[in-house]
Structures are given as C-alpha cells and as structure tokens.
Amino acid sequence: MPSESLARCQEALGYRFDDDSLLREALTHSSSKGPDQPSNERLEFLGDAILGAVVSDYLFREFPDYTEGQLTKIKSVVVSSRTLGG
C-alpha cells in the first residue's frame, strides 16, 4: 500500500499512527501480501481475543444469574462473523 494511501487513511480516521507499518499490516489481506509484508491475520487473531474478553466481561457482570452455558451461547452469537458482518 503506497504511503499516500496510508496518509489518507490516517486523515480519514483523524489519528496519526506512530508506526505506519502497523496500519499497513492491519489493512493488508492475506491474499495480497508480499513475501516481506505480513497480513492482518495475526492482528485479527488478537482483536478477536480482545473482543471476546470484553464481551465476556460485560455478559458476566450484566447477567449474574446466567449459567456458563447461557453466557457462552450469547457470546458466541455476539462475536460471530455473521453478527459482526464478516
């Protein structure tokens, strides 16, 4: 991804990344990565884990009477690809 594209992304976000390589990695799909360019899959893995932890914490606190099974079912729907638009 050209530097000018990264600059436009940062402008649109209203945020300047200290390390442009993280933005480049986040925006690189595995189908278009080069031999020296990592794709977003590792960041996606981390993001999925963080989202799961945040949702789990919320459900745990919001529904104290629910069983582990009930909480798991709700979480699986909330963080599913279908729900998140993936």
PDB file of N, CA and C in Angstrom:
ATOM      1  N   MET A   1       0.857  -1.177   0.000  1.00  0.00           N
ATOM      2  CA  MET A   1       0.000   0.000   0.000  1.00  0.00           C
ATOM      3  C   MET A   1       0.898   1.233   0.000  1.00  0.00           C
ATOM      4  N   PRO A   2       0.695   2.116  -0.954  1.00  0.00           N
ATOM      5  CA  PRO A   2       1.518   3.323  -1.051  1.00  0.00           C
ATOM      6  C   PRO A   2       1.371   4.225   0.174  1.00  0.00           C
ATOM      7  N   SER A   3       2.410   4.960   0.470  1.00  0.00           N
ATOM      8  CA  SER A   3       2.422   5.865   1.629  1.00  0.00           C
ATOM      9  C   SER A   3       1.302   6.889   1.574  1.00  0.00           C
ATOM     10  N   GLU A   4       0.979   7.363   0.352  1.00  0.00           N
ATOM     11  CA  GLU A   4      -0.093   8.364   0.252  1.00  0.00           C
ATOM     12  C   GLU A   4      -1.447   7.769   0.643  1.00  0.00           C
ATOM     13  N   SER A   5      -1.644   6.475   0.379  1.00  0.00           N
ATOM     14  CA  SER A   5      -2.886   5.806   0.801  1.00  0.00           C
ATOM     15  C   SER A   5      -2.944   5.710   2.316  1.00  0.00           C
ATOM     16  N   LEU A   6      -1.812   5.400   2.933  1.00  0.00           N
ATOM     17  CA  LEU A   6      -1.763   5.347   4.397  1.00  0.00           C
ATOM     18  C   LEU A   6      -2.049   6.719   4.999  1.00  0.00           C
ATOM     19  N   ALA A   7      -1.509   7.746   4.387  1.00  0.00           N
ATOM     20  CA  ALA A   7      -1.744   9.109   4.873  1.00  0.00           C
ATOM     21  C   ALA A   7      -3.224   9.468   4.777  1.00  0.00           C
ATOM     22  N   ARG A   8      -3.865   9.086   3.677  1.00  0.00           N
ATOM     23  CA  ARG A   8      -5.310   9.363   3.513  1.00  0.00           C
ATOM     24  C   ARG A   8      -6.126   8.593   4.553  1.00  0.00           C
ATOM     25  N   CYS A   9      -5.741   7.356   4.824  1.00  0.00           N
ATOM     26  CA  CYS A   9      -6.442   6.563   5.852  1.00  0.00           C
ATOM     27  C   CYS A   9      -6.336   7.245   7.207  1.00  0.00           C
ATOM     28  N   GLN A  10      -5.123   7.694   7.541  1.00  0.00           N
ATOM     29  CA  GLN A  10      -4.917   8.347   8.834  1.00  0.00           C
ATOM     30  C   GLN A  10      -5.698   9.647   8.925  1.00  0.00           C
ATOM     31  N   GLU A  11      -5.750  10.362   7.824  1.00  0.00           N
ATOM     32  CA  GLU A  11      -6.522  11.609   7.795  1.00  0.00           C
ATOM     33  C   GLU A  11      -8.007  11.313   7.999  1.00  0.00           C
ATOM     34  N   ALA A  12      -8.513  10.291   7.326  1.00  0.00           N
ATOM     35  CA  ALA A  12      -9.930   9.924   7.458  1.00  0.00           C
ATOM     36  C   ALA A  12     -10.254   9.472   8.880  1.00  0.00           C
ATOM     37  N   LEU A  13      -9.314   8.762   9.504  1.00  0.00           N
ATOM     38  CA  LEU A  13      -9.517   8.299  10.876  1.00  0.00           C
ATOM     39  C   LEU A  13      -9.360   9.415  11.901  1.00  0.00           C
ATOM     40  N   GLY A  14      -8.632  10.444  11.525  1.00  0.00           N
ATOM     41  CA  GLY A  14      -8.339  11.508  12.481  1.00  0.00           C
ATOM     42  C   GLY A  14      -7.330  11.061  13.517  1.00  0.00           C
ATOM     43  N   TYR A  15      -6.464  10.136  13.110  1.00  0.00           N
ATOM     44  CA  TYR A  15      -5.464   9.587  14.026  1.00  0.00           C
ATOM     45  C   TYR A  15      -4.172   9.357  13.260  1.00  0.00           C
ATOM     46  N   ARG A  16      -3.066   9.743  13.845  1.00  0.00           N
ATOM     47  CA  ARG A  16      -1.755   9.541  13.228  1.00  0.00           C
ATOM     48  C   ARG A  16      -1.034   8.418  13.955  1.00  0.00           C
ATOM     49  N   PHE A  17      -0.737   7.349  13.233  1.00  0.00           N
ATOM     50  CA  PHE A  17      -0.024   6.209  13.795  1.00  0.00           C
ATOM     51  C   PHE A  17       1.456   6.551  13.945  1.00  0.00           C
ATOM     52  N   ASP A  18       2.032   6.215  15.086  1.00  0.00           N
ATOM     53  CA  ASP A  18       3.466   6.405  15.279  1.00  0.00           C
ATOM     54  C   ASP A  18       4.254   5.464  14.376  1.00  0.00           C
ATOM     55  N   ASP A  19       3.685   4.302  14.134  1.00  0.00           N
ATOM     56  CA  ASP A  19       4.354   3.281  13.326  1.00  0.00           C
ATOM     57  C   ASP A  19       3.444   2.918  12.155  1.00  0.00           C
ATOM     58  N   ASP A  20       3.735   3.481  10.984  1.00  0.00           N
ATOM     59  CA  ASP A  20       2.907   3.238   9.797  1.00  0.00           C
ATOM     60  C   ASP A  20       2.840   1.762   9.422  1.00  0.00           C
ATOM     61  N   SER A  21       3.851   0.994   9.814  1.00  0.00           N
ATOM     62  CA  SER A  21       3.865  -0.420   9.445  1.00  0.00           C
ATOM     63  C   SER A  21       2.701  -1.180  10.090  1.00  0.00           C
ATOM     64  N   LEU A  22       2.251  -0.734  11.261  1.00  0.00           N
ATOM     65  CA  LEU A  22       1.093  -1.384  11.899  1.00  0.00           C
ATOM     66  C   LEU A  22      -0.186  -1.139  11.105  1.00  0.00           C
ATOM     67  N   LEU A  23      -0.349   0.076  10.617  1.00  0.00           N
ATOM     68  CA  LEU A  23      -1.523   0.380   9.795  1.00  0.00           C
ATOM     69  C   LEU A  23      -1.465  -0.398   8.491  1.00  0.00           C
ATOM     70  N   ARG A  24      -0.286  -0.452   7.888  1.00  0.00           N
ATOM     71  CA  ARG A  24      -0.118  -1.200   6.645  1.00  0.00           C
ATOM     72  C   ARG A  24      -0.465  -2.680   6.872  1.00  0.00           C
ATOM     73  N   GLU A  25       0.017  -3.237   7.960  1.00  0.00           N
ATOM     74  CA  GLU A  25      -0.275  -4.642   8.280  1.00  0.00           C
ATOM     75  C   GLU A  25      -1.760  -4.852   8.535  1.00  0.00           C
ATOM     76  N   ALA A  26      -2.382  -3.935   9.264  1.00  0.00           N
ATOM     77  CA  ALA A  26      -3.801  -4.056   9.582  1.00  0.00           C
ATOM     78  C   ALA A  26      -4.675  -4.031   8.334  1.00  0.00           C
ATOM     79  N   LEU A  27      -4.214  -3.335   7.301  1.00  0.00           N
ATOM     80  CA  LEU A  27      -5.001  -3.181   6.075  1.00  0.00           C
ATOM     81  C   LEU A  27      -4.611  -4.160   4.971  1.00  0.00           C
ATOM     82  N   THR A  28      -3.680  -5.062   5.259  1.00  0.00           N
ATOM     83  CA  THR A  28      -3.202  -5.999   4.242  1.00  0.00           C
ATOM     84  C   THR A  28      -3.874  -7.354   4.393  1.00  0.00           C
ATOM     85  N   HIS A  29      -4.697  -7.703   3.429  1.00  0.00           N
ATOM     86  CA  HIS A  29      -5.355  -9.012   3.419  1.00  0.00           C
ATOM     87  C   HIS A  29      -4.341 -10.069   2.997  1.00  0.00           C
ATOM     88  N   SER A  30      -4.497 -11.274   3.511  1.00  0.00           N
ATOM     89  CA  SER A  30      -3.530 -12.340   3.228  1.00  0.00           C
ATOM     90  C   SER A  30      -3.417 -12.649   1.737  1.00  0.00           C
ATOM     91  N   SER A  31      -4.467 -12.399   0.976  1.00  0.00           N
ATOM     92  CA  SER A  31      -4.425 -12.683  -0.458  1.00  0.00           C
ATOM     93  C   SER A  31      -3.554 -11.691  -1.227  1.00  0.00           C
ATOM     94  N   SER A  32      -3.231 -10.565  -0.620  1.00  0.00           N
ATOM     95  CA  SER A  32      -2.454  -9.559  -1.336  1.00  0.00           C
ATOM     96  C   SER A  32      -1.111  -9.247  -0.684  1.00  0.00           C
ATOM     97  N   LYS A  33      -0.719 -10.034   0.296  1.00  0.00           N
ATOM     98  CA  LYS A  33       0.542  -9.739   0.979  1.00  0.00           C
ATOM     99  C   LYS A  33       1.730 -10.182   0.131  1.00  0.00           C
ATOM    100  N   GLY A  34       2.834  -9.518   0.349  1.00  0.00           N
ATOM    101  CA  GLY A  34       4.076  -9.882  -0.323  1.00  0.00           C
ATOM    102  C   GLY A  34       4.925 -10.734   0.591  1.00  0.00           C
ATOM    103  N   PRO A  35       6.062 -11.214   0.095  1.00  0.00           N
ATOM    104  CA  PRO A  35       6.920 -12.097   0.895  1.00  0.00           C
ATOM    105  C   PRO A  35       7.465 -11.421   2.153  1.00  0.00           C
ATOM    106  N   ASP A  36       7.653 -10.116   2.109  1.00  0.00           N
ATOM    107  CA  ASP A  36       8.177  -9.395   3.271  1.00  0.00           C
ATOM    108  C   ASP A  36       7.113  -8.578   3.987  1.00  0.00           C
ATOM    109  N   GLN A  37       5.852  -8.758   3.614  1.00  0.00           N
ATOM    110  CA  GLN A  37       4.769  -7.970   4.203  1.00  0.00           C
ATOM    111  C   GLN A  37       3.794  -8.890   4.925  1.00  0.00           C
ATOM    112  N   PRO A  38       3.699  -8.766   6.246  1.00  0.00           N
ATOM    113  CA  PRO A  38       2.724  -9.599   6.966  1.00  0.00           C
ATOM    114  C   PRO A  38       1.293  -9.160   6.658  1.00  0.00           C
ATOM    115  N   SER A  39       0.374 -10.102   6.778  1.00  0.00           N
ATOM    116  CA  SER A  39      -1.035  -9.767   6.569  1.00  0.00           C
ATOM    117  C   SER A  39      -1.673  -9.418   7.907  1.00  0.00           C
ATOM    118  N   ASN A  40      -2.949  -9.090   7.852  1.00  0.00           N
ATOM    119  CA  ASN A  40      -3.678  -8.695   9.051  1.00  0.00           C
ATOM    120  C   ASN A  40      -4.151  -9.876   9.899  1.00  0.00           C
ATOM    121  N   GLU A  41      -3.826 -11.102   9.521  1.00  0.00           N
ATOM    122  CA  GLU A  41      -4.353 -12.267  10.227  1.00  0.00           C
ATOM    123  C   GLU A  41      -3.930 -12.323  11.694  1.00  0.00           C
ATOM    124  N   ARG A  42      -2.682 -11.994  11.998  1.00  0.00           N
ATOM    125  CA  ARG A  42      -2.239 -12.021  13.394  1.00  0.00           C
ATOM    126  C   ARG A  42      -2.942 -10.936  14.211  1.00  0.00           C
ATOM    127  N   LEU A  43      -3.110  -9.756  13.625  1.00  0.00           N
ATOM    128  CA  LEU A  43      -3.831  -8.690  14.322  1.00  0.00           C
ATOM    129  C   LEU A  43      -5.309  -9.050  14.481  1.00  0.00           C
ATOM    130  N   GLU A  44      -5.864  -9.710  13.481  1.00  0.00           N
ATOM    131  CA  GLU A  44      -7.253 -10.163  13.559  1.00  0.00           C
ATOM    132  C   GLU A  44      -7.425 -11.164  14.708  1.00  0.00           C
ATOM    133  N   PHE A  45      -6.473 -12.063  14.829  1.00  0.00           N
ATOM    134  CA  PHE A  45      -6.495 -13.034  15.922  1.00  0.00           C
ATOM    135  C   PHE A  45      -6.505 -12.313  17.275  1.00  0.00           C
ATOM    136  N   LEU A  46      -5.623 -11.336  17.430  1.00  0.00           N
ATOM    137  CA  LEU A  46      -5.548 -10.583  18.677  1.00  0.00           C
ATOM    138  C   LEU A  46      -6.830  -9.802  18.928  1.00  0.00           C
ATOM    139  N   GLY A  47      -7.350  -9.161  17.891  1.00  0.00           N
ATOM    140  CA  GLY A  47      -8.589  -8.400  18.023  1.00  0.00           C
ATOM    141  C   GLY A  47      -9.766  -9.284  18.409  1.00  0.00           C
ATOM    142  N   ASP A  48      -9.836 -10.464  17.815  1.00  0.00           N
ATOM    143  CA  ASP A  48     -10.906 -11.412  18.170  1.00  0.00           C
ATOM    144  C   ASP A  48     -10.828 -11.797  19.637  1.00  0.00           C
ATOM    145  N   ALA A  49      -9.604 -12.026  20.126  1.00  0.00           N
ATOM    146  CA  ALA A  49      -9.421 -12.413  21.526  1.00  0.00           C
ATOM    147  C   ALA A  49      -9.817 -11.275  22.470  1.00  0.00           C
ATOM    148  N   ILE A  50      -9.445 -10.059  22.109  1.00  0.00           N
ATOM    149  CA  ILE A  50      -9.786  -8.907  22.948  1.00  0.00           C
ATOM    150  C   ILE A  50     -11.293  -8.673  22.941  1.00  0.00           C
ATOM    151  N   LEU A  51     -11.913  -8.746  21.772  1.00  0.00           N
ATOM    152  CA  LEU A  51     -13.363  -8.582  21.685  1.00  0.00           C
ATOM    153  C   LEU A  51     -14.068  -9.645  22.519  1.00  0.00           C
ATOM    154  N   GLY A  52     -13.599 -10.884  22.431  1.00  0.00           N
ATOM    155  CA  GLY A  52     -14.193 -11.962  23.219  1.00  0.00           C
ATOM    156  C   GLY A  52     -14.077 -11.709  24.709  1.00  0.00           C
ATOM    157  N   ALA A  53     -12.935 -11.200  25.143  1.00  0.00           N
ATOM    158  CA  ALA A  53     -12.730 -10.912  26.568  1.00  0.00           C
ATOM    159  C   ALA A  53     -13.635  -9.773  27.041  1.00  0.00           C
ATOM    160  N   VAL A  54     -13.757  -8.728  26.230  1.00  0.00           N
ATOM    161  CA  VAL A  54     -14.598  -7.586  26.604  1.00  0.00           C
ATOM    162  C   VAL A  54     -16.066  -8.008  26.676  1.00  0.00           C
ATOM    163  N   VAL A  55     -16.522  -8.751  25.682  1.00  0.00           N
ATOM    164  CA  VAL A  55     -17.918  -9.214  25.677  1.00  0.00           C
ATOM    165  C   VAL A  55     -18.164 -10.165  26.844  1.00  0.00           C
ATOM    166  N   SER A  56     -17.226 -11.054  27.113  1.00  0.00           N
ATOM    167  CA  SER A  56     -17.373 -11.995  28.233  1.00  0.00           C
ATOM    168  C   SER A  56     -17.484 -11.254  29.555  1.00  0.00           C
ATOM    169  N   ASP A  57     -16.636 -10.263  29.752  1.00  0.00           N
ATOM    170  CA  ASP A  57     -16.676  -9.473  30.987  1.00  0.00           C
ATOM    171  C   ASP A  57     -18.024  -8.774  31.133  1.00  0.00           C
ATOM    172  N   TYR A  58     -18.483  -8.166  30.042  1.00  0.00           N
ATOM    173  CA  TYR A  58     -19.770  -7.472  30.077  1.00  0.00           C
ATOM    174  C   TYR A  58     -20.905  -8.435  30.432  1.00  0.00           C
ATOM    175  N   LEU A  59     -20.959  -9.562  29.733  1.00  0.00           N
ATOM    176  CA  LEU A  59     -22.035 -10.531  29.985  1.00  0.00           C
ATOM    177  C   LEU A  59     -21.961 -11.066  31.405  1.00  0.00           C
ATOM    178  N   PHE A  60     -20.765 -11.348  31.881  1.00  0.00           N
ATOM    179  CA  PHE A  60     -20.573 -11.882  33.239  1.00  0.00           C
ATOM    180  C   PHE A  60     -21.129 -10.916  34.281  1.00  0.00           C
ATOM    181  N   ARG A  61     -20.856  -9.632  34.084  1.00  0.00           N
ATOM    182  CA  ARG A  61     -21.317  -8.628  35.050  1.00  0.00           C
ATOM    183  C   ARG A  61     -22.804  -8.284  34.873  1.00  0.00           C
ATOM    184  N   GLU A  62     -23.273  -8.256  33.644  1.00  0.00           N
ATOM    185  CA  GLU A  62     -24.645  -7.841  33.353  1.00  0.00           C
ATOM    186  C   GLU A  62     -25.681  -8.922  33.689  1.00  0.00           C
ATOM    187  N   PHE A  63     -25.284 -10.187  33.615  1.00  0.00           N
ATOM    188  CA  PHE A  63     -26.216 -11.301  33.830  1.00  0.00           C
ATOM    189  C   PHE A  63     -25.679 -12.255  34.892  1.00  0.00           C
ATOM    190  N   PRO A  64     -25.669 -11.823  36.146  1.00  0.00           N
ATOM    191  CA  PRO A  64     -25.070 -12.637  37.212  1.00  0.00           C
ATOM    192  C   PRO A  64     -25.788 -13.965  37.471  1.00  0.00           C
ATOM    193  N   ASP A  65     -27.024 -14.085  37.066  1.00  0.00           N
ATOM    194  CA  ASP A  65     -27.775 -15.318  37.316  1.00  0.00           C
ATOM    195  C   ASP A  65     -27.687 -16.329  36.173  1.00  0.00           C
ATOM    196  N   TYR A  66     -27.064 -15.946  35.062  1.00  0.00           N
ATOM    197  CA  TYR A  66     -26.955 -16.862  33.919  1.00  0.00           C
ATOM    198  C   TYR A  66     -25.873 -17.899  34.163  1.00  0.00           C
ATOM    199  N   THR A  67     -26.099 -19.079  33.636  1.00  0.00           N
ATOM    200  CA  THR A  67     -25.092 -20.136  33.750  1.00  0.00           C
ATOM    201  C   THR A  67     -23.977 -19.910  32.724  1.00  0.00           C
ATOM    202  N   GLU A  68     -22.907 -20.661  32.897  1.00  0.00           N
ATOM    203  CA  GLU A  68     -21.786 -20.584  31.948  1.00  0.00           C
ATOM    204  C   GLU A  68     -22.264 -20.912  30.538  1.00  0.00           C
ATOM    205  N   GLY A  69     -23.128 -21.925  30.423  1.00  0.00           N
ATOM    206  CA  GLY A  69     -23.650 -22.313  29.112  1.00  0.00           C
ATOM    207  C   GLY A  69     -24.464 -21.211  28.457  1.00  0.00           C
ATOM    208  N   GLN A  70     -25.295 -20.541  29.244  1.00  0.00           N
ATOM    209  CA  GLN A  70     -26.096 -19.440  28.705  1.00  0.00           C
ATOM    210  C   GLN A  70     -25.207 -18.284  28.246  1.00  0.00           C
ATOM    211  N   LEU A  71     -24.218 -17.947  29.063  1.00  0.00           N
ATOM    212  CA  LEU A  71     -23.301 -16.865  28.716  1.00  0.00           C
ATOM    213  C   LEU A  71     -22.511 -17.208  27.460  1.00  0.00           C
ATOM    214  N   THR A  72     -22.084 -18.455  27.345  1.00  0.00           N
ATOM    215  CA  THR A  72     -21.324 -18.896  26.177  1.00  0.00           C
ATOM    216  C   THR A  72     -22.152 -18.783  24.907  1.00  0.00           C
ATOM    217  N   LYS A  73     -23.422 -19.179  24.978  1.00  0.00           N
ATOM    218  CA  LYS A  73     -24.296 -19.081  23.802  1.00  0.00           C
ATOM    219  C   LYS A  73     -24.474 -17.636  23.360  1.00  0.00           C
ATOM    220  N   ILE A  74     -24.704 -16.751  24.319  1.00  0.00           N
ATOM    221  CA  ILE A  74     -24.880 -15.338  23.981  1.00  0.00           C
ATOM    222  C   ILE A  74     -23.602 -14.788  23.364  1.00  0.00           C
ATOM    223  N   LYS A  75     -22.469 -15.077  24.001  1.00  0.00           N
ATOM    224  CA  LYS A  75     -21.188 -14.568  23.495  1.00  0.00           C
ATOM    225  C   LYS A  75     -20.916 -15.072  22.086  1.00  0.00           C
ATOM    226  N   SER A  76     -21.207 -16.340  21.832  1.00  0.00           N
ATOM    227  CA  SER A  76     -20.918 -16.891  20.505  1.00  0.00           C
ATOM    228  C   SER A  76     -21.736 -16.197  19.419  1.00  0.00           C
ATOM    229  N   VAL A  77     -22.943 -15.776  19.750  1.00  0.00           N
ATOM    230  CA  VAL A  77     -23.761 -15.045  18.778  1.00  0.00           C
ATOM    231  C   VAL A  77     -23.238 -13.626  18.608  1.00  0.00           C
ATOM    232  N   VAL A  78     -22.904 -12.984  19.712  1.00  0.00           N
ATOM    233  CA  VAL A  78     -22.464 -11.588  19.664  1.00  0.00           C
ATOM    234  C   VAL A  78     -21.152 -11.428  18.901  1.00  0.00           C
ATOM    235  N   VAL A  79     -20.216 -12.347  19.071  1.00  0.00           N
ATOM    236  CA  VAL A  79     -18.898 -12.199  18.443  1.00  0.00           C
ATOM    237  C   VAL A  79     -18.745 -13.038  17.170  1.00  0.00           C
ATOM    238  N   SER A  80     -19.841 -13.562  16.642  1.00  0.00           N
ATOM    239  CA  SER A  80     -19.762 -14.372  15.437  1.00  0.00           C
ATOM    240  C   SER A  80     -19.497 -13.512  14.206  1.00  0.00           C
ATOM    241  N   SER A  81     -18.913 -14.134  13.192  1.00  0.00           N
ATOM    242  CA  SER A  81     -18.646 -13.427  11.935  1.00  0.00           C
ATOM    243  C   SER A  81     -19.927 -12.888  11.321  1.00  0.00           C
ATOM    244  N   ARG A  82     -20.963 -13.670  11.419  1.00  0.00           N
ATOM    245  CA  ARG A  82     -22.254 -13.259  10.832  1.00  0.00           C
ATOM    246  C   ARG A  82     -22.774 -11.990  11.492  1.00  0.00           C
ATOM    247  N   THR A  83     -22.709 -11.951  12.832  1.00  0.00           N
ATOM    248  CA  THR A  83     -23.184 -10.775  13.563  1.00  0.00           C
ATOM    249  C   THR A  83     -22.322  -9.572  13.299  1.00  0.00           C
ATOM    250  N   LEU A  84     -21.003  -9.786  13.205  1.00  0.00           N
ATOM    251  CA  LEU A  84     -20.069  -8.678  13.030  1.00  0.00           C
ATOM    252  C   LEU A  84     -19.907  -8.264  11.567  1.00  0.00           C
ATOM    253  N   GLY A  85     -20.580  -8.958  10.676  1.00  0.00           N
ATOM    254  CA  GLY A  85     -20.553  -8.576   9.272  1.00  0.00           C
ATOM    255  C   GLY A  85     -19.395  -9.135   8.490  1.00  0.00           C
ATOM    256  N   GLY A  86     -18.760 -10.176   9.015  1.00  0.00           N
ATOM    257  CA  GLY A  86     -17.617 -10.752   8.302  1.00  0.00           C
ATOM    258  C   GLY A  86     -18.040 -11.910   7.505  1.00  0.00           C
TER     259      GLY A  86
END
